[in-house]
Amino acid sequence: MNDGFRRARTEEQRAERREAIVAAALELLDEVRVNDLTLTELARRSGLAKSNVLRYFESREAVLLDVYNREFRDWLDELERELPPTADADIESVAAALAGTAARRPRLCELAATSQAVLERNLSAGVAATYKLAFVANARRFAAIVGGRLGGFSENASIALAGMVILGIGGIWAGTRPSPGMEAAYELLPELAAMRHDLNASLHEFVATTLTGLVHREPNPIAAQASKTT
């Protein structure tokens, strides 16, 4: 591709190129699954040659992990706004806010579903470390936001909660995106209808169950929260 590329010579120019690549990835994630998003199409959509994209990100996976952490941060901003005040929060209201905000973010769900099995497989140690440090920061913020609404969890429980919720989002998202053949089977056999899962409802149930378990397994259970759910 001859795209009139000129090497970015300032940090501002390099940042602009990176943002253009990220913007192209965001557009593509609205159109295709992660496994179908290619470096070739990413380069074309961002107006660069593949070799030029690789000047700023070492691989397709590195781009998508950058996008994943951004999506995670944006979700936390929305979640913090949606959660009820601490005085009014209980497990069901927190689960409803968490499930509803996550379900409205298909890019976040798609990236969560593929992060470990796909996106973390083609990285240098430096990129992997940068991604994981940003992810841990997001997880700690998530734990503080949610745990704070419910009266506070221990640090270990808070981090466990963040990890479980992200795993749940990814797994449930994958389960609500059946293959064409499986979708046809659901249509053909009404008795299989129960195997279909609604993303929001399934996430709510998963989060509420996880929170209930944490409340009752904490060394100092949050009695007020436990009483609201029993």
C-alpha atoms as a PDB file:
ATOM      1  CA  MET A   1       0.000   0.000   0.000  1.00  0.00           C
ATOM      2  CA  ASN A   2       1.331   3.413  -0.919  1.00  0.00           C
ATOM      3  CA  ASP A   3      -0.372   5.604   1.627  1.00  0.00           C
ATOM      4  CA  GLY A   4       1.970   8.548   1.505  1.00  0.00           C
ATOM      5  CA  PHE A   5       3.433   7.473   4.817  1.00  0.00           C
ATOM      6  CA  ARG A   6       5.766   9.871   6.520  1.00  0.00           C
ATOM      7  CA  ARG A   7       7.633   8.784   9.582  1.00  0.00           C
ATOM      8  CA  ALA A   8       6.319  10.390  12.748  1.00  0.00           C
ATOM      9  CA  ARG A   9       9.188  12.377  14.207  1.00  0.00           C
ATOM     10  CA  THR A  10       7.675  13.788  17.376  1.00  0.00           C
ATOM     11  CA  GLU A  11       5.998  12.098  20.306  1.00  0.00           C
ATOM     12  CA  GLU A  12       2.781  13.898  19.422  1.00  0.00           C
ATOM     13  CA  GLN A  13       2.872  12.526  15.876  1.00  0.00           C
ATOM     14  CA  ARG A  14       3.582   9.012  17.145  1.00  0.00           C
ATOM     15  CA  ALA A  15       0.657   9.289  19.557  1.00  0.00           C
ATOM     16  CA  GLU A  16      -1.606  10.417  16.710  1.00  0.00           C
ATOM     17  CA  ARG A  17      -0.621   7.365  14.645  1.00  0.00           C
ATOM     18  CA  ARG A  18      -1.277   5.024  17.547  1.00  0.00           C
ATOM     19  CA  GLU A  19      -4.679   6.620  18.131  1.00  0.00           C
ATOM     20  CA  ALA A  20      -5.561   6.213  14.446  1.00  0.00           C
ATOM     21  CA  ILE A  21      -4.732   2.505  14.658  1.00  0.00           C
ATOM     22  CA  VAL A  22      -6.765   2.077  17.839  1.00  0.00           C
ATOM     23  CA  ALA A  23      -9.703   3.932  16.266  1.00  0.00           C
ATOM     24  CA  ALA A  24      -9.562   1.577  13.281  1.00  0.00           C
ATOM     25  CA  ALA A  25      -9.570  -1.430  15.621  1.00  0.00           C
ATOM     26  CA  LEU A  26     -12.616  -0.080  17.451  1.00  0.00           C
ATOM     27  CA  GLU A  27     -14.478   0.312  14.168  1.00  0.00           C
ATOM     28  CA  LEU A  28     -13.610  -3.201  13.077  1.00  0.00           C
ATOM     29  CA  LEU A  29     -14.671  -4.740  16.387  1.00  0.00           C
ATOM     30  CA  ASP A  30     -18.150  -3.368  15.719  1.00  0.00           C
ATOM     31  CA  GLU A  31     -18.187  -5.360  12.480  1.00  0.00           C
ATOM     32  CA  VAL A  32     -16.261  -8.611  13.001  1.00  0.00           C
ATOM     33  CA  ARG A  33     -15.247 -11.046  15.721  1.00  0.00           C
ATOM     34  CA  VAL A  34     -11.711 -10.904  17.084  1.00  0.00           C
ATOM     35  CA  ASN A  35     -10.685 -14.059  15.217  1.00  0.00           C
ATOM     36  CA  ASP A  36     -11.738 -12.447  11.930  1.00  0.00           C
ATOM     37  CA  LEU A  37      -9.974  -9.132  12.497  1.00  0.00           C
ATOM     38  CA  THR A  38      -6.770  -9.215  10.441  1.00  0.00           C
ATOM     39  CA  LEU A  39      -3.698  -7.031  10.490  1.00  0.00           C
ATOM     40  CA  THR A  40      -4.218  -6.403   6.771  1.00  0.00           C
ATOM     41  CA  GLU A  41      -7.708  -4.987   7.305  1.00  0.00           C
ATOM     42  CA  LEU A  42      -6.585  -3.069  10.369  1.00  0.00           C
ATOM     43  CA  ALA A  43      -3.848  -1.418   8.312  1.00  0.00           C
ATOM     44  CA  ARG A  44      -6.221  -0.618   5.474  1.00  0.00           C
ATOM     45  CA  ARG A  45      -8.806   0.875   7.796  1.00  0.00           C
ATOM     46  CA  SER A  46      -6.197   3.034   9.551  1.00  0.00           C
ATOM     47  CA  GLY A  47      -4.747   4.240   6.220  1.00  0.00           C
ATOM     48  CA  LEU A  48      -1.346   2.669   6.749  1.00  0.00           C
ATOM     49  CA  ALA A  49       0.688  -0.197   5.352  1.00  0.00           C
ATOM     50  CA  LYS A  50       1.068  -3.244   7.604  1.00  0.00           C
ATOM     51  CA  SER A  51       4.743  -2.480   8.075  1.00  0.00           C
ATOM     52  CA  ASN A  52       3.820   0.988   9.301  1.00  0.00           C
ATOM     53  CA  VAL A  53       1.232  -0.337  11.752  1.00  0.00           C
ATOM     54  CA  LEU A  54       3.983  -2.554  13.166  1.00  0.00           C
ATOM     55  CA  ARG A  55       6.088   0.503  13.860  1.00  0.00           C
ATOM     56  CA  TYR A  56       3.627   1.392  16.613  1.00  0.00           C
ATOM     57  CA  PHE A  57       2.315  -2.007  17.748  1.00  0.00           C
ATOM     58  CA  GLU A  58       4.318  -5.197  17.482  1.00  0.00           C
ATOM     59  CA  SER A  59       1.310  -7.307  16.451  1.00  0.00           C
ATOM     60  CA  ARG A  60      -2.422  -7.371  15.907  1.00  0.00           C
ATOM     61  CA  GLU A  61      -2.766  -8.775  19.402  1.00  0.00           C
ATOM     62  CA  ALA A  62      -0.868  -5.860  20.917  1.00  0.00           C
ATOM     63  CA  VAL A  63      -3.349  -3.451  19.324  1.00  0.00           C
ATOM     64  CA  LEU A  64      -6.330  -5.366  20.633  1.00  0.00           C
ATOM     65  CA  LEU A  65      -4.971  -5.647  24.157  1.00  0.00           C
ATOM     66  CA  ASP A  66      -4.475  -1.891  24.186  1.00  0.00           C
ATOM     67  CA  VAL A  67      -8.099  -1.538  23.081  1.00  0.00           C
ATOM     68  CA  TYR A  68      -9.187  -4.038  25.753  1.00  0.00           C
ATOM     69  CA  ASN A  69      -7.668  -2.009  28.585  1.00  0.00           C
ATOM     70  CA  ARG A  70      -9.265   1.161  27.220  1.00  0.00           C
ATOM     71  CA  GLU A  71     -12.639  -0.546  27.002  1.00  0.00           C
ATOM     72  CA  PHE A  72     -12.190  -1.787  30.561  1.00  0.00           C
ATOM     73  CA  ARG A  73     -11.459   1.755  31.808  1.00  0.00           C
ATOM     74  CA  ASP A  74     -14.442   3.194  29.944  1.00  0.00           C
ATOM     75  CA  TRP A  75     -16.684   0.483  31.385  1.00  0.00           C
ATOM     76  CA  LEU A  76     -15.517   1.303  34.907  1.00  0.00           C
ATOM     77  CA  ASP A  77     -16.383   4.963  34.338  1.00  0.00           C
ATOM     78  CA  GLU A  78     -19.904   3.973  33.321  1.00  0.00           C
ATOM     79  CA  LEU A  79     -20.247   1.404  36.103  1.00  0.00           C
ATOM     80  CA  GLU A  80     -19.259   3.958  38.733  1.00  0.00           C
ATOM     81  CA  ARG A  81     -22.020   6.269  37.463  1.00  0.00           C
ATOM     82  CA  GLU A  82     -24.625   3.498  37.304  1.00  0.00           C
ATOM     83  CA  LEU A  83     -24.069   1.907  40.696  1.00  0.00           C
ATOM     84  CA  PRO A  84     -26.442   3.036  43.444  1.00  0.00           C
ATOM     85  CA  PRO A  85     -25.081   5.049  46.378  1.00  0.00           C
ATOM     86  CA  THR A  86     -23.474   2.977  49.097  1.00  0.00           C
ATOM     87  CA  ALA A  87     -26.428   3.497  51.445  1.00  0.00           C
ATOM     88  CA  ASP A  88     -28.828   2.028  48.867  1.00  0.00           C
ATOM     89  CA  ALA A  89     -26.588  -0.694  47.422  1.00  0.00           C
ATOM     90  CA  ASP A  90     -27.138  -4.399  47.901  1.00  0.00           C
ATOM     91  CA  ILE A  91     -26.050  -7.460  45.994  1.00  0.00           C
ATOM     92  CA  GLU A  92     -28.979  -7.420  43.564  1.00  0.00           C
ATOM     93  CA  SER A  93     -28.655  -3.736  42.674  1.00  0.00           C
ATOM     94  CA  VAL A  94     -24.897  -4.028  42.203  1.00  0.00           C
ATOM     95  CA  ALA A  95     -25.328  -7.144  40.053  1.00  0.00           C
ATOM     96  CA  ALA A  96     -27.971  -5.377  37.955  1.00  0.00           C
ATOM     97  CA  ALA A  97     -25.730  -2.363  37.315  1.00  0.00           C
ATOM     98  CA  LEU A  98     -22.717  -4.494  36.542  1.00  0.00           C
ATOM     99  CA  ALA A  99     -24.561  -6.837  34.186  1.00  0.00           C
ATOM    100  CA  GLY A 100     -26.424  -4.044  32.423  1.00  0.00           C
ATOM    101  CA  THR A 101     -23.365  -1.907  31.765  1.00  0.00           C
ATOM    102  CA  ALA A 102     -21.278  -4.868  30.604  1.00  0.00           C
ATOM    103  CA  ALA A 103     -24.007  -6.173  28.295  1.00  0.00           C
ATOM    104  CA  ARG A 104     -24.136  -2.785  26.566  1.00  0.00           C
ATOM    105  CA  ARG A 105     -20.443  -3.119  25.683  1.00  0.00           C
ATOM    106  CA  PRO A 106     -20.049  -5.917  23.129  1.00  0.00           C
ATOM    107  CA  ARG A 107     -16.451  -4.916  22.377  1.00  0.00           C
ATOM    108  CA  LEU A 108     -15.514  -5.382  26.024  1.00  0.00           C
ATOM    109  CA  CYS A 109     -17.275  -8.745  26.135  1.00  0.00           C
ATOM    110  CA  GLU A 110     -15.683  -9.969  22.908  1.00  0.00           C
ATOM    111  CA  LEU A 111     -12.199  -8.978  24.064  1.00  0.00           C
ATOM    112  CA  ALA A 112     -12.741 -10.552  27.490  1.00  0.00           C
ATOM    113  CA  ALA A 113     -13.797 -13.777  25.770  1.00  0.00           C
ATOM    114  CA  THR A 114     -10.615 -13.971  23.710  1.00  0.00           C
ATOM    115  CA  SER A 115      -7.979 -12.266  25.842  1.00  0.00           C
ATOM    116  CA  GLN A 116      -6.293 -15.293  27.392  1.00  0.00           C
ATOM    117  CA  ALA A 117      -6.856 -17.893  24.699  1.00  0.00           C
ATOM    118  CA  VAL A 118      -6.047 -15.677  21.696  1.00  0.00           C
ATOM    119  CA  LEU A 119      -4.722 -12.206  22.408  1.00  0.00           C
ATOM    120  CA  GLU A 120      -2.066 -13.092  24.975  1.00  0.00           C
ATOM    121  CA  ARG A 121      -0.393 -15.632  22.667  1.00  0.00           C
ATOM    122  CA  ASN A 122       1.662 -13.417  20.346  1.00  0.00           C
ATOM    123  CA  LEU A 123       3.394 -10.931  22.624  1.00  0.00           C
ATOM    124  CA  SER A 124       6.877  -9.984  23.691  1.00  0.00           C
ATOM    125  CA  ALA A 125       7.617  -9.871  27.414  1.00  0.00           C
ATOM    126  CA  GLY A 126       7.583  -6.069  27.358  1.00  0.00           C
ATOM    127  CA  VAL A 127       4.171  -5.750  25.753  1.00  0.00           C
ATOM    128  CA  ALA A 128       2.775  -8.534  27.944  1.00  0.00           C
ATOM    129  CA  ALA A 129       4.002  -6.798  31.089  1.00  0.00           C
ATOM    130  CA  THR A 130       2.614  -3.416  30.027  1.00  0.00           C
ATOM    131  CA  TYR A 131      -0.767  -4.965  29.277  1.00  0.00           C
ATOM    132  CA  LYS A 132      -0.944  -6.910  32.535  1.00  0.00           C
ATOM    133  CA  LEU A 133       0.070  -3.920  34.673  1.00  0.00           C
ATOM    134  CA  ALA A 134      -2.720  -1.842  33.105  1.00  0.00           C
ATOM    135  CA  PHE A 135      -5.152  -4.732  33.515  1.00  0.00           C
ATOM    136  CA  VAL A 136      -4.273  -5.137  37.201  1.00  0.00           C
ATOM    137  CA  ALA A 137      -4.803  -1.397  37.740  1.00  0.00           C
ATOM    138  CA  ASN A 138      -8.239  -1.709  36.160  1.00  0.00           C
ATOM    139  CA  ALA A 139      -9.024  -4.776  38.276  1.00  0.00           C
ATOM    140  CA  ARG A 140      -8.053  -2.970  41.475  1.00  0.00           C
ATOM    141  CA  ARG A 141     -10.241  -0.024  40.553  1.00  0.00           C
ATOM    142  CA  PHE A 142     -13.119  -2.378  39.791  1.00  0.00           C
ATOM    143  CA  ALA A 143     -12.663  -4.069  43.155  1.00  0.00           C
ATOM    144  CA  ALA A 144     -12.643  -0.728  44.964  1.00  0.00           C
ATOM    145  CA  ILE A 145     -15.779   0.496  43.193  1.00  0.00           C
ATOM    146  CA  VAL A 146     -17.828  -2.641  43.768  1.00  0.00           C
ATOM    147  CA  GLY A 147     -16.437  -3.580  47.162  1.00  0.00           C
ATOM    148  CA  GLY A 148     -16.937  -0.030  48.392  1.00  0.00           C
ATOM    149  CA  ARG A 149     -20.630  -0.160  47.545  1.00  0.00           C
ATOM    150  CA  LEU A 150     -21.043  -3.339  49.563  1.00  0.00           C
ATOM    151  CA  GLY A 151     -19.225  -2.232  52.679  1.00  0.00           C
ATOM    152  CA  GLY A 152     -15.753  -3.383  51.684  1.00  0.00           C
ATOM    153  CA  PHE A 153     -14.071  -6.711  50.975  1.00  0.00           C
ATOM    154  CA  SER A 154     -10.568  -7.804  51.871  1.00  0.00           C
ATOM    155  CA  GLU A 155      -7.971  -7.077  49.187  1.00  0.00           C
ATOM    156  CA  ASN A 156      -7.726 -10.757  48.252  1.00  0.00           C
ATOM    157  CA  ALA A 157     -11.489 -11.094  47.942  1.00  0.00           C
ATOM    158  CA  SER A 158     -11.719  -7.884  45.931  1.00  0.00           C
ATOM    159  CA  ILE A 159      -9.140  -9.017  43.394  1.00  0.00           C
ATOM    160  CA  ALA A 160     -10.762 -12.448  43.217  1.00  0.00           C
ATOM    161  CA  LEU A 161     -14.080 -10.741  42.507  1.00  0.00           C
ATOM    162  CA  ALA A 162     -12.605  -8.723  39.643  1.00  0.00           C
ATOM    163  CA  GLY A 163     -11.036 -11.814  38.100  1.00  0.00           C
ATOM    164  CA  MET A 164     -14.185 -13.886  38.412  1.00  0.00           C
ATOM    165  CA  VAL A 165     -16.386 -11.199  36.891  1.00  0.00           C
ATOM    166  CA  ILE A 166     -14.091 -10.756  33.890  1.00  0.00           C
ATOM    167  CA  LEU A 167     -13.971 -14.514  33.352  1.00  0.00           C
ATOM    168  CA  GLY A 168     -17.749 -14.595  33.638  1.00  0.00           C
ATOM    169  CA  ILE A 169     -18.233 -11.803  31.128  1.00  0.00           C
ATOM    170  CA  GLY A 170     -16.008 -13.542  28.594  1.00  0.00           C
ATOM    171  CA  GLY A 171     -17.475 -16.987  29.109  1.00  0.00           C
ATOM    172  CA  ILE A 172     -21.098 -15.908  29.094  1.00  0.00           C
ATOM    173  CA  TRP A 173     -20.538 -13.708  26.032  1.00  0.00           C
ATOM    174  CA  ALA A 174     -19.102 -16.706  24.164  1.00  0.00           C
ATOM    175  CA  GLY A 175     -22.055 -18.814  25.253  1.00  0.00           C
ATOM    176  CA  THR A 176     -24.546 -16.289  23.903  1.00  0.00           C
ATOM    177  CA  ARG A 177     -22.897 -16.252  20.464  1.00  0.00           C
ATOM    178  CA  PRO A 178     -23.667 -19.733  19.063  1.00  0.00           C
ATOM    179  CA  SER A 179     -22.402 -20.873  15.696  1.00  0.00           C
ATOM    180  CA  PRO A 180     -24.825 -20.791  12.751  1.00  0.00           C
ATOM    181  CA  GLY A 181     -25.226 -24.566  13.016  1.00  0.00           C
ATOM    182  CA  MET A 182     -26.038 -24.429  16.708  1.00  0.00           C
ATOM    183  CA  GLU A 183     -28.453 -21.556  16.165  1.00  0.00           C
ATOM    184  CA  ALA A 184     -30.206 -23.621  13.501  1.00  0.00           C
ATOM    185  CA  ALA A 185     -30.456 -26.535  15.944  1.00  0.00           C
ATOM    186  CA  TYR A 186     -32.100 -24.279  18.508  1.00  0.00           C
ATOM    187  CA  GLU A 187     -34.635 -23.224  15.903  1.00  0.00           C
ATOM    188  CA  LEU A 188     -35.235 -26.807  14.798  1.00  0.00           C
ATOM    189  CA  LEU A 189     -35.703 -28.318  18.251  1.00  0.00           C
ATOM    190  CA  PRO A 190     -37.831 -26.290  20.680  1.00  0.00           C
ATOM    191  CA  GLU A 191     -36.683 -28.493  23.571  1.00  0.00           C
ATOM    192  CA  LEU A 192     -33.235 -26.940  23.190  1.00  0.00           C
ATOM    193  CA  ALA A 193     -34.568 -23.437  23.840  1.00  0.00           C
ATOM    194  CA  ALA A 194     -33.395 -23.619  27.443  1.00  0.00           C
ATOM    195  CA  MET A 195     -29.806 -23.803  26.181  1.00  0.00           C
ATOM    196  CA  ARG A 196     -30.081 -20.260  24.845  1.00  0.00           C
ATOM    197  CA  HIS A 197     -28.807 -17.640  27.264  1.00  0.00           C
ATOM    198  CA  ASP A 198     -29.601 -13.961  27.523  1.00  0.00           C
ATOM    199  CA  LEU A 199     -26.403 -12.013  28.137  1.00  0.00           C
ATOM    200  CA  ASN A 200     -27.797  -9.517  30.639  1.00  0.00           C
ATOM    201  CA  ALA A 201     -29.819 -12.039  32.625  1.00  0.00           C
ATOM    202  CA  SER A 202     -27.002 -14.584  32.732  1.00  0.00           C
ATOM    203  CA  LEU A 203     -24.451 -11.992  33.796  1.00  0.00           C
ATOM    204  CA  HIS A 204     -26.771 -10.731  36.540  1.00  0.00           C
ATOM    205  CA  GLU A 205     -27.230 -14.229  37.923  1.00  0.00           C
ATOM    206  CA  PHE A 206     -23.506 -14.974  37.752  1.00  0.00           C
ATOM    207  CA  VAL A 207     -22.473 -11.748  39.468  1.00  0.00           C
ATOM    208  CA  ALA A 208     -25.136 -12.000  42.175  1.00  0.00           C
ATOM    209  CA  THR A 209     -24.098 -15.572  42.932  1.00  0.00           C
ATOM    210  CA  THR A 210     -20.407 -14.644  43.027  1.00  0.00           C
ATOM    211  CA  LEU A 211     -21.044 -11.681  45.329  1.00  0.00           C
ATOM    212  CA  THR A 212     -23.206 -13.769  47.634  1.00  0.00           C
ATOM    213  CA  GLY A 213     -20.449 -16.345  47.904  1.00  0.00           C
ATOM    214  CA  LEU A 214     -17.837 -13.709  48.696  1.00  0.00           C
ATOM    215  CA  VAL A 215     -20.014 -12.105  51.349  1.00  0.00           C
ATOM    216  CA  HIS A 216     -20.423 -15.407  53.172  1.00  0.00           C
ATOM    217  CA  ARG A 217     -16.826 -16.578  52.749  1.00  0.00           C
ATOM    218  CA  GLU A 218     -15.140 -13.392  53.983  1.00  0.00           C
ATOM    219  CA  PRO A 219     -13.393 -13.750  57.382  1.00  0.00           C
ATOM    220  CA  ASN A 220     -15.607 -10.913  58.626  1.00  0.00           C
ATOM    221  CA  PRO A 221     -18.802 -11.269  56.575  1.00  0.00           C
ATOM    222  CA  ILE A 222     -20.693  -8.141  55.703  1.00  0.00           C
ATOM    223  CA  ALA A 223     -23.691  -8.911  57.868  1.00  0.00           C
ATOM    224  CA  ALA A 224     -25.785  -6.068  56.542  1.00  0.00           C
ATOM    225  CA  GLN A 225     -25.329  -7.234  52.972  1.00  0.00           C
ATOM    226  CA  ALA A 226     -25.952 -10.847  53.815  1.00  0.00           C
ATOM    227  CA  SER A 227     -29.205  -9.938  55.536  1.00  0.00           C
ATOM    228  CA  LYS A 228     -30.395  -8.082  52.432  1.00  0.00           C
ATOM    229  CA  THR A 229     -30.042 -11.222  50.303  1.00  0.00           C
ATOM    230  CA  THR A 230     -31.572 -13.740  52.698  1.00  0.00           C
END
